[in-house]
Structures are given as C-alpha cells and as structure tokens.
C-alpha atoms as a PDB file:
ATOM      1  CA  MET A   1       4.529  -8.762  -0.027  1.00  0.00           C
ATOM      2  CA  ASN A   2       0.740  -8.938  -0.004  1.00  0.00           C
ATOM      3  CA  GLY A   3       0.031  -7.449  -3.401  1.00  0.00           C
ATOM      4  CA  LEU A   4      -0.887  -3.887  -2.412  1.00  0.00           C
ATOM      5  CA  LEU A   5       1.890  -2.802  -4.767  1.00  0.00           C
ATOM      6  CA  LEU A   6       2.897  -4.932  -7.744  1.00  0.00           C
ATOM      7  CA  PRO A   7       6.483  -5.153  -9.041  1.00  0.00           C
ATOM      8  CA  THR A   8       7.297  -3.245 -12.221  1.00  0.00           C
ATOM      9  CA  SER A   9      10.285  -5.542 -12.761  1.00  0.00           C
ATOM     10  CA  GLY A  10      11.335  -8.840 -11.257  1.00  0.00           C
ATOM     11  CA  THR A  11       8.937 -10.958  -9.214  1.00  0.00           C
ATOM     12  CA  VAL A  12       7.617 -11.171  -5.667  1.00  0.00           C
ATOM     13  CA  THR A  13       6.458 -14.631  -4.622  1.00  0.00           C
ATOM     14  CA  VAL A  14       4.723 -15.786  -1.443  1.00  0.00           C
ATOM     15  CA  ASP A  15       4.970 -19.524  -0.858  1.00  0.00           C
ATOM     16  CA  GLY A  16       5.609 -19.861  -4.585  1.00  0.00           C
ATOM     17  CA  MET A  17       2.627 -17.673  -5.548  1.00  0.00           C
ATOM     18  CA  ASP A  18       3.326 -14.727  -7.859  1.00  0.00           C
ATOM     19  CA  THR A  19       1.772 -11.502  -6.563  1.00  0.00           C
ATOM     20  CA  ARG A  20       1.107 -10.386 -10.147  1.00  0.00           C
ATOM     21  CA  ASP A  21      -1.366 -13.240 -10.686  1.00  0.00           C
ATOM     22  CA  PRO A  22      -4.832 -11.755  -9.914  1.00  0.00           C
ATOM     23  CA  SER A  23      -6.283 -15.200  -9.189  1.00  0.00           C
ATOM     24  CA  LEU A  24      -3.839 -15.647  -6.281  1.00  0.00           C
ATOM     25  CA  LEU A  25      -4.181 -12.250  -4.599  1.00  0.00           C
ATOM     26  CA  THR A  26      -6.952 -13.260  -2.169  1.00  0.00           C
ATOM     27  CA  GLU A  27      -4.922 -16.180  -0.835  1.00  0.00           C
ATOM     28  CA  ILE A  28      -1.725 -14.129  -0.724  1.00  0.00           C
ATOM     29  CA  ARG A  29      -3.472 -11.413   1.285  1.00  0.00           C
ATOM     30  CA  ARG A  30      -4.844 -14.005   3.677  1.00  0.00           C
ATOM     31  CA  ARG A  31      -1.371 -15.392   4.308  1.00  0.00           C
ATOM     32  CA  VAL A  32       0.384 -12.012   4.527  1.00  0.00           C
ATOM     33  CA  GLY A  33      -1.242  -9.421   6.756  1.00  0.00           C
ATOM     34  CA  PHE A  34      -0.170  -5.774   6.702  1.00  0.00           C
ATOM     35  CA  VAL A  35      -0.219  -3.134   9.437  1.00  0.00           C
ATOM     36  CA  PHE A  36       0.219   0.492   8.390  1.00  0.00           C
ATOM     37  CA  GLN A  37       2.278   3.070  10.248  1.00  0.00           C
ATOM     38  CA  ASN A  38      -0.916   5.018  10.972  1.00  0.00           C
ATOM     39  CA  PRO A  39      -3.677   2.606  12.075  1.00  0.00           C
ATOM     40  CA  ASP A  40      -6.364   5.144  11.132  1.00  0.00           C
ATOM     41  CA  ASN A  41      -5.563   4.318   7.504  1.00  0.00           C
ATOM     42  CA  GLN A  42      -6.935   0.788   7.863  1.00  0.00           C
ATOM     43  CA  LEU A  43      -9.684   0.891  10.500  1.00  0.00           C
ATOM     44  CA  VAL A  44     -13.060   0.740   8.770  1.00  0.00           C
ATOM     45  CA  GLY A  45     -15.597  -0.712  11.219  1.00  0.00           C
ATOM     46  CA  THR A  46     -18.009   1.225  13.430  1.00  0.00           C
ATOM     47  CA  THR A  47     -16.991  -0.918  16.431  1.00  0.00           C
ATOM     48  CA  VAL A  48     -13.887  -2.873  17.409  1.00  0.00           C
ATOM     49  CA  GLU A  49     -15.685  -6.159  16.822  1.00  0.00           C
ATOM     50  CA  GLU A  50     -16.954  -5.122  13.376  1.00  0.00           C
ATOM     51  CA  ASP A  51     -13.536  -3.886  12.347  1.00  0.00           C
ATOM     52  CA  ILE A  52     -11.879  -7.200  13.216  1.00  0.00           C
ATOM     53  CA  ALA A  53     -14.607  -9.073  11.326  1.00  0.00           C
ATOM     54  CA  PHE A  54     -14.134  -7.021   8.147  1.00  0.00           C
ATOM     55  CA  GLY A  55     -11.264  -9.104   6.765  1.00  0.00           C
ATOM     56  CA  PRO A  56     -12.774 -12.549   7.449  1.00  0.00           C
ATOM     57  CA  GLU A  57     -16.065 -11.415   5.904  1.00  0.00           C
ATOM     58  CA  ASN A  58     -14.276 -10.354   2.719  1.00  0.00           C
ATOM     59  CA  LEU A  59     -12.557 -13.729   2.593  1.00  0.00           C
ATOM     60  CA  GLY A  60     -15.983 -15.379   2.540  1.00  0.00           C
ATOM     61  CA  MET A  61     -15.592 -17.199   5.845  1.00  0.00           C
ATOM     62  CA  SER A  62     -18.727 -18.679   7.411  1.00  0.00           C
ATOM     63  CA  PRO A  63     -20.496 -16.713  10.192  1.00  0.00           C
ATOM     64  CA  ASP A  64     -19.401 -19.255  12.820  1.00  0.00           C
ATOM     65  CA  SER A  65     -15.782 -19.074  11.622  1.00  0.00           C
ATOM     66  CA  ILE A  66     -15.911 -15.281  11.645  1.00  0.00           C
ATOM     67  CA  ARG A  67     -17.180 -15.187  15.219  1.00  0.00           C
ATOM     68  CA  GLU A  68     -14.520 -17.662  16.308  1.00  0.00           C
ATOM     69  CA  SER A  69     -11.766 -15.701  14.540  1.00  0.00           C
ATOM     70  CA  VAL A  70     -12.913 -12.401  16.053  1.00  0.00           C
ATOM     71  CA  ARG A  71     -12.973 -13.873  19.568  1.00  0.00           C
ATOM     72  CA  PHE A  72      -9.524 -15.365  19.045  1.00  0.00           C
ATOM     73  CA  ALA A  73      -8.063 -12.077  17.756  1.00  0.00           C
ATOM     74  CA  MET A  74      -9.558 -10.041  20.609  1.00  0.00           C
ATOM     75  CA  ARG A  75      -8.287 -12.525  23.188  1.00  0.00           C
ATOM     76  CA  VAL A  76      -4.737 -12.545  21.803  1.00  0.00           C
ATOM     77  CA  THR A  77      -4.538  -8.752  21.573  1.00  0.00           C
ATOM     78  CA  GLY A  78      -6.301  -8.072  24.880  1.00  0.00           C
ATOM     79  CA  LEU A  79      -9.218  -6.207  23.299  1.00  0.00           C
ATOM     80  CA  GLU A  80     -12.073  -8.379  24.643  1.00  0.00           C
ATOM     81  CA  GLY A  81     -13.460  -5.627  26.847  1.00  0.00           C
ATOM     82  CA  LEU A  82     -13.558  -3.139  23.966  1.00  0.00           C
ATOM     83  CA  ALA A  83     -15.681  -5.105  21.469  1.00  0.00           C
ATOM     84  CA  GLY A  84     -18.421  -2.476  21.249  1.00  0.00           C
ATOM     85  CA  ARG A  85     -16.188   0.610  21.302  1.00  0.00           C
ATOM     86  CA  PRO A  86     -15.930   2.809  18.184  1.00  0.00           C
ATOM     87  CA  PRO A  87     -12.322   2.629  16.922  1.00  0.00           C
ATOM     88  CA  HIS A  88     -11.944   6.413  16.885  1.00  0.00           C
ATOM     89  CA  THR A  89     -12.324   6.478  20.690  1.00  0.00           C
ATOM     90  CA  LEU A  90      -9.319   4.213  21.253  1.00  0.00           C
ATOM     91  CA  SER A  91      -5.809   5.319  22.158  1.00  0.00           C
ATOM     92  CA  GLY A  92      -3.052   5.139  19.561  1.00  0.00           C
ATOM     93  CA  GLY A  93      -1.694   1.931  21.055  1.00  0.00           C
ATOM     94  CA  GLN A  94      -5.144   0.332  21.167  1.00  0.00           C
ATOM     95  CA  LYS A  95      -5.755   1.285  17.528  1.00  0.00           C
ATOM     96  CA  GLN A  96      -2.522  -0.428  16.520  1.00  0.00           C
ATOM     97  CA  LEU A  97      -3.514  -3.526  18.485  1.00  0.00           C
ATOM     98  CA  LEU A  98      -6.847  -3.437  16.643  1.00  0.00           C
ATOM     99  CA  ALA A  99      -5.087  -3.272  13.285  1.00  0.00           C
ATOM    100  CA  ILE A 100      -3.039  -6.320  14.274  1.00  0.00           C
ATOM    101  CA  ALA A 101      -6.185  -8.122  15.479  1.00  0.00           C
ATOM    102  CA  GLY A 102      -7.789  -7.572  12.072  1.00  0.00           C
ATOM    103  CA  ALA A 103      -4.872  -9.364  10.418  1.00  0.00           C
ATOM    104  CA  LEU A 104      -4.870 -12.203  12.956  1.00  0.00           C
ATOM    105  CA  ALA A 105      -8.572 -12.824  12.369  1.00  0.00           C
ATOM    106  CA  MET A 106      -7.772 -13.702   8.762  1.00  0.00           C
ATOM    107  CA  LYS A 107      -5.513 -16.553   9.964  1.00  0.00           C
ATOM    108  CA  THR A 108      -2.507 -14.752   8.557  1.00  0.00           C
ATOM    109  CA  GLU A 109       0.799 -16.632   8.588  1.00  0.00           C
ATOM    110  CA  CYS A 110       3.074 -13.631   8.075  1.00  0.00           C
ATOM    111  CA  LEU A 111       2.555 -10.134   9.446  1.00  0.00           C
ATOM    112  CA  VAL A 112       4.292  -7.132   7.849  1.00  0.00           C
ATOM    113  CA  LEU A 113       4.387  -4.010  10.037  1.00  0.00           C
ATOM    114  CA  ASP A 114       5.465  -0.606   8.742  1.00  0.00           C
ATOM    115  CA  GLU A 115       6.965   1.322  11.675  1.00  0.00           C
ATOM    116  CA  PRO A 116       4.029   0.355  13.925  1.00  0.00           C
ATOM    117  CA  THR A 117       5.329   2.214  17.010  1.00  0.00           C
ATOM    118  CA  SER A 118       6.543   5.466  15.426  1.00  0.00           C
ATOM    119  CA  MET A 119       3.320   7.349  16.255  1.00  0.00           C
ATOM    120  CA  LEU A 120       2.901   5.944  19.765  1.00  0.00           C
ATOM    121  CA  GLY A 121       3.858   7.082  23.246  1.00  0.00           C
ATOM    122  CA  PRO A 122       5.932   4.889  25.595  1.00  0.00           C
ATOM    123  CA  ALA A 123       2.956   2.916  26.960  1.00  0.00           C
ATOM    124  CA  GLY A 124       1.474   2.215  23.531  1.00  0.00           C
ATOM    125  CA  ARG A 125       4.871   1.281  22.157  1.00  0.00           C
ATOM    126  CA  ARG A 126       5.449  -1.225  24.967  1.00  0.00           C
ATOM    127  CA  SER A 127       2.039  -2.842  24.485  1.00  0.00           C
ATOM    128  CA  VAL A 128       2.572  -3.299  20.741  1.00  0.00           C
ATOM    129  CA  LEU A 129       6.111  -4.688  21.123  1.00  0.00           C
ATOM    130  CA  ASN A 130       5.029  -7.051  23.914  1.00  0.00           C
ATOM    131  CA  LEU A 131       2.247  -8.357  21.678  1.00  0.00           C
ATOM    132  CA  LEU A 132       4.646  -8.882  18.758  1.00  0.00           C
ATOM    133  CA  ARG A 133       6.996 -10.908  20.945  1.00  0.00           C
ATOM    134  CA  LYS A 134       4.053 -12.994  22.133  1.00  0.00           C
ATOM    135  CA  LEU A 135       2.904 -13.621  18.569  1.00  0.00           C
ATOM    136  CA  ARG A 136       6.369 -14.791  17.539  1.00  0.00           C
ATOM    137  CA  GLU A 137       6.883 -17.021  20.570  1.00  0.00           C
ATOM    138  CA  ASN A 138       3.400 -18.482  21.082  1.00  0.00           C
ATOM    139  CA  LEU A 139       1.838 -18.506  17.607  1.00  0.00           C
ATOM    140  CA  ASN A 140       5.013 -19.088  15.580  1.00  0.00           C
ATOM    141  CA  LEU A 141       3.985 -16.164  13.380  1.00  0.00           C
ATOM    142  CA  THR A 142       6.505 -14.766  10.905  1.00  0.00           C
ATOM    143  CA  LEU A 143       6.982 -11.038  11.532  1.00  0.00           C
ATOM    144  CA  VAL A 144       8.544  -8.524   9.137  1.00  0.00           C
ATOM    145  CA  LEU A 145       9.081  -5.272  11.027  1.00  0.00           C
ATOM    146  CA  VAL A 146      10.157  -2.034   9.367  1.00  0.00           C
ATOM    147  CA  THR A 147      11.667   0.277  11.983  1.00  0.00           C
ATOM    148  CA  HIS A 148      14.139   3.097  12.574  1.00  0.00           C
ATOM    149  CA  PHE A 149      14.313   2.253  16.297  1.00  0.00           C
ATOM    150  CA  MET A 150      17.409   0.111  16.769  1.00  0.00           C
ATOM    151  CA  GLU A 151      16.210  -0.891  20.255  1.00  0.00           C
ATOM    152  CA  GLU A 152      13.387  -2.737  18.473  1.00  0.00           C
ATOM    153  CA  ALA A 153      15.628  -4.291  15.845  1.00  0.00           C
ATOM    154  CA  VAL A 154      17.840  -6.039  18.413  1.00  0.00           C
ATOM    155  CA  PHE A 155      15.031  -8.524  19.153  1.00  0.00           C
ATOM    156  CA  ALA A 156      14.858  -9.723  15.540  1.00  0.00           C
ATOM    157  CA  ASP A 157      16.268 -13.040  14.346  1.00  0.00           C
ATOM    158  CA  ARG A 158      17.582 -11.366  11.204  1.00  0.00           C
ATOM    159  CA  ILE A 159      18.193  -7.722  10.268  1.00  0.00           C
ATOM    160  CA  LEU A 160      18.342  -6.313   6.756  1.00  0.00           C
ATOM    161  CA  LEU A 161      19.762  -2.796   6.745  1.00  0.00           C
ATOM    162  CA  VAL A 162      18.499  -0.905   3.693  1.00  0.00           C
ATOM    163  CA  ASP A 163      19.935   2.324   2.305  1.00  0.00           C
ATOM    164  CA  GLY A 164      18.730   3.910  -0.917  1.00  0.00           C
ATOM    165  CA  GLY A 165      16.717   0.829  -1.813  1.00  0.00           C
ATOM    166  CA  ARG A 166      19.703  -1.520  -1.478  1.00  0.00           C
ATOM    167  CA  ILE A 167      20.557  -4.027   1.245  1.00  0.00           C
ATOM    168  CA  VAL A 168      23.875  -2.939   2.783  1.00  0.00           C
ATOM    169  CA  MET A 169      23.947  -5.353   5.742  1.00  0.00           C
ATOM    170  CA  ASP A 170      22.225  -8.670   6.347  1.00  0.00           C
ATOM    171  CA  GLY A 171      22.720 -10.735   9.468  1.00  0.00           C
ATOM    172  CA  ALA A 172      21.836 -11.471  13.068  1.00  0.00           C
ATOM    173  CA  PRO A 173      21.703  -8.515  15.509  1.00  0.00           C
ATOM    174  CA  ALA A 174      25.085  -9.504  16.964  1.00  0.00           C
ATOM    175  CA  GLU A 175      26.648  -9.192  13.493  1.00  0.00           C
ATOM    176  CA  VAL A 176      24.914  -5.963  12.497  1.00  0.00           C
ATOM    177  CA  PHE A 177      25.535  -4.164  15.794  1.00  0.00           C
ATOM    178  CA  GLY A 178      28.885  -5.790  16.595  1.00  0.00           C
ATOM    179  CA  SER A 179      32.352  -4.318  16.553  1.00  0.00           C
ATOM    180  CA  GLY A 180      33.025  -2.235  13.462  1.00  0.00           C
ATOM    181  CA  SER A 181      29.318  -1.803  12.686  1.00  0.00           C
ATOM    182  CA  ARG A 182      28.628   0.291   9.584  1.00  0.00           C
ATOM    183  CA  ILE A 183      25.195   1.546  10.621  1.00  0.00           C
ATOM    184  CA  SER A 184      26.475   5.076  11.295  1.00  0.00           C
ATOM    185  CA  SER A 185      27.391   5.349   7.595  1.00  0.00           C
ATOM    186  CA  VAL A 186      23.681   5.223   6.702  1.00  0.00           C
ATOM    187  CA  GLY A 187      22.609   7.756   9.320  1.00  0.00           C
ATOM    188  CA  LEU A 188      21.516   5.357  12.063  1.00  0.00           C
ATOM    189  CA  GLU A 189      22.730   4.971  15.621  1.00  0.00           C
ATOM    190  CA  LEU A 190      23.604   1.941  17.693  1.00  0.00           C
ATOM    191  CA  PRO A 191      21.019   0.802  20.257  1.00  0.00           C
ATOM    192  CA  GLY A 192      21.439   2.782  23.486  1.00  0.00           C
ATOM    193  CA  PRO A 193      22.943  -0.102  25.519  1.00  0.00           C
ATOM    194  CA  ALA A 194      25.439  -0.891  22.741  1.00  0.00           C
ATOM    195  CA  GLU A 195      26.457   2.766  22.491  1.00  0.00           C
ATOM    196  CA  LEU A 196      26.935   3.031  26.265  1.00  0.00           C
ATOM    197  CA  ALA A 197      28.887  -0.217  26.362  1.00  0.00           C
ATOM    198  CA  GLY A 198      31.245   1.176  23.732  1.00  0.00           C
ATOM    199  CA  ARG A 199      31.839   4.309  25.791  1.00  0.00           C
ATOM    200  CA  LEU A 200      32.533   2.237  28.902  1.00  0.00           C
ATOM    201  CA  ARG A 201      35.039   0.103  26.987  1.00  0.00           C
ATOM    202  CA  ALA A 202      36.813   3.326  25.981  1.00  0.00           C
ATOM    203  CA  TYR A 203      37.209   4.042  29.711  1.00  0.00           C
ATOM    204  CA  GLY A 204      38.810   0.648  30.223  1.00  0.00           C
ATOM    205  CA  LEU A 205      35.942  -1.588  31.308  1.00  0.00           C
ATOM    206  CA  ASP A 206      36.184  -5.147  30.013  1.00  0.00           C
ATOM    207  CA  LEU A 207      32.763  -5.675  28.408  1.00  0.00           C
ATOM    208  CA  PRO A 208      31.921  -8.296  25.779  1.00  0.00           C
ATOM    209  CA  ASP A 209      30.954  -7.239  22.274  1.00  0.00           C
ATOM    210  CA  PRO A 210      28.177  -6.819  21.371  1.00  0.00           C
ATOM    211  CA  VAL A 211      25.966  -5.689  24.246  1.00  0.00           C
ATOM    212  CA  LEU A 212      22.545  -5.266  22.649  1.00  0.00           C
ATOM    213  CA  THR A 213      19.891  -4.825  25.336  1.00  0.00           C
ATOM    214  CA  LEU A 214      19.578  -3.121  28.695  1.00  0.00           C
ATOM    215  CA  ASP A 215      19.393  -6.538  30.370  1.00  0.00           C
ATOM    216  CA  ASP A 216      22.652  -7.520  28.628  1.00  0.00           C
ATOM    217  CA  LEU A 217      24.344  -4.373  29.888  1.00  0.00           C
ATOM    218  CA  VAL A 218      23.138  -4.777  33.480  1.00  0.00           C
ATOM    219  CA  THR A 219      24.254  -8.413  33.521  1.00  0.00           C
ATOM    220  CA  CYS A 220      27.718  -7.499  32.224  1.00  0.00           C
ATOM    221  CA  LEU A 221      28.178  -4.704  34.755  1.00  0.00           C
ATOM    222  CA  CYS A 222      27.073  -6.923  37.647  1.00  0.00           C
ATOM    223  CA  ARG A 223      29.782  -9.434  36.702  1.00  0.00           C
ATOM    224  CA  LEU A 224      32.626  -6.912  36.842  1.00  0.00           C
END
C-alpha cells in the first residue's frame, strides 16, 4: 500500500496513483505510513526527536515545518518528555509509539500497522490501542490494522478475514462475529466476550447476538 513491495500482477492504487510508477512513490509514501510488527526494524535516529524528524527531512520539508511536525507528533503520541532519549532505551510500547509518531510527522493520511501489539506486554498494548482510537476519532486518520487478536478487531469499522491469501469474510464486526460465524474454520477464535456470551446462551440466558466487547457483556448481564 505504500510501495515497499510492488505487485507482480494486477495494480495497487492510492488515491488513483499507481504504486508501480516511480515518480509517484514519494507522494504515496507520504500519504500511507507503515508501522512494522517490530519497531526496531524502522527506528533509525540517535534520539527520539531525530527519529521522528527522519521522514520529514527525506520528504524535503523546510526546517520550520520539520520542527512543527515533530512537536505535533510527540504531543499526539505523548512522547514530549522523551525527545532526547535514545530509542534503544525505550520500552516496547514506547518504541511502537515512536514508530507511529514518525509516520504522523510526515502528515500521513492512512496508517498501515502490521500486528503492532503482538510483541508488547499488557501496558504497552493498551497504550498503542488507546492511541490508535484517538487517531481515528480526533484526526480522522484512516487505519489499516493487521491483527490476530480478535479483541482488537471488534473496534474496526470493517473487517476483512483473510485465509491463504484470499478474503473469506468482509463486513462489520457484528456480521463477522455474529451468529454462525465462520472464523473457527480458519483457525481463529471469537473475541472472549462473544465466546462467553455464547456459553451463557447455551445455559439459557437471553443475551443478544452479537456481544463483542467486555462493556457489551457487562451491560447485557446487568439488564437481566
């Protein structure tokens, strides 16, 4: 989606721009930011501030614009107090926030994240997910999240379930995780609250379908 890999057949377009056109790659990569599963694979600066500035500098932004973009990215991600810290001294969650900040500093319009919480502990995972929700709600940023954690997928507007390189389900979370869901056929499990709700229905409790989040489940049980 941002030209790191080019299609060997078919086309990939971003806002009508073909990723195979070398003259468009800089603009495509500005519009579509990418966050790797392991943030160490994309952190290059000697300090947090320098790392965030790396992308804007390569885009040829003016020094004033770079400084403004770096301040904005640090403020949004909560990294202001870590500007002078070497990236290797950060926690896993902080490194992932730094990787996201680097994309935001380039004024990206779409952010693609490849399993960004899979290498994090509970605290780091919460901080990254909270930031992603804030980006979607406050900055109107398009997010494409690759994940095997169904508890993360329930917060999406649209889910594409992929198996063997093919889309096998495409719909809102309520459709994908609703009654008769096929996700078990591709080796995945329902989100915890949905699984528990199904077990409670089997014991005779009258719960709506689907129940996707812990808040949904608590609300339903309180109404019984």
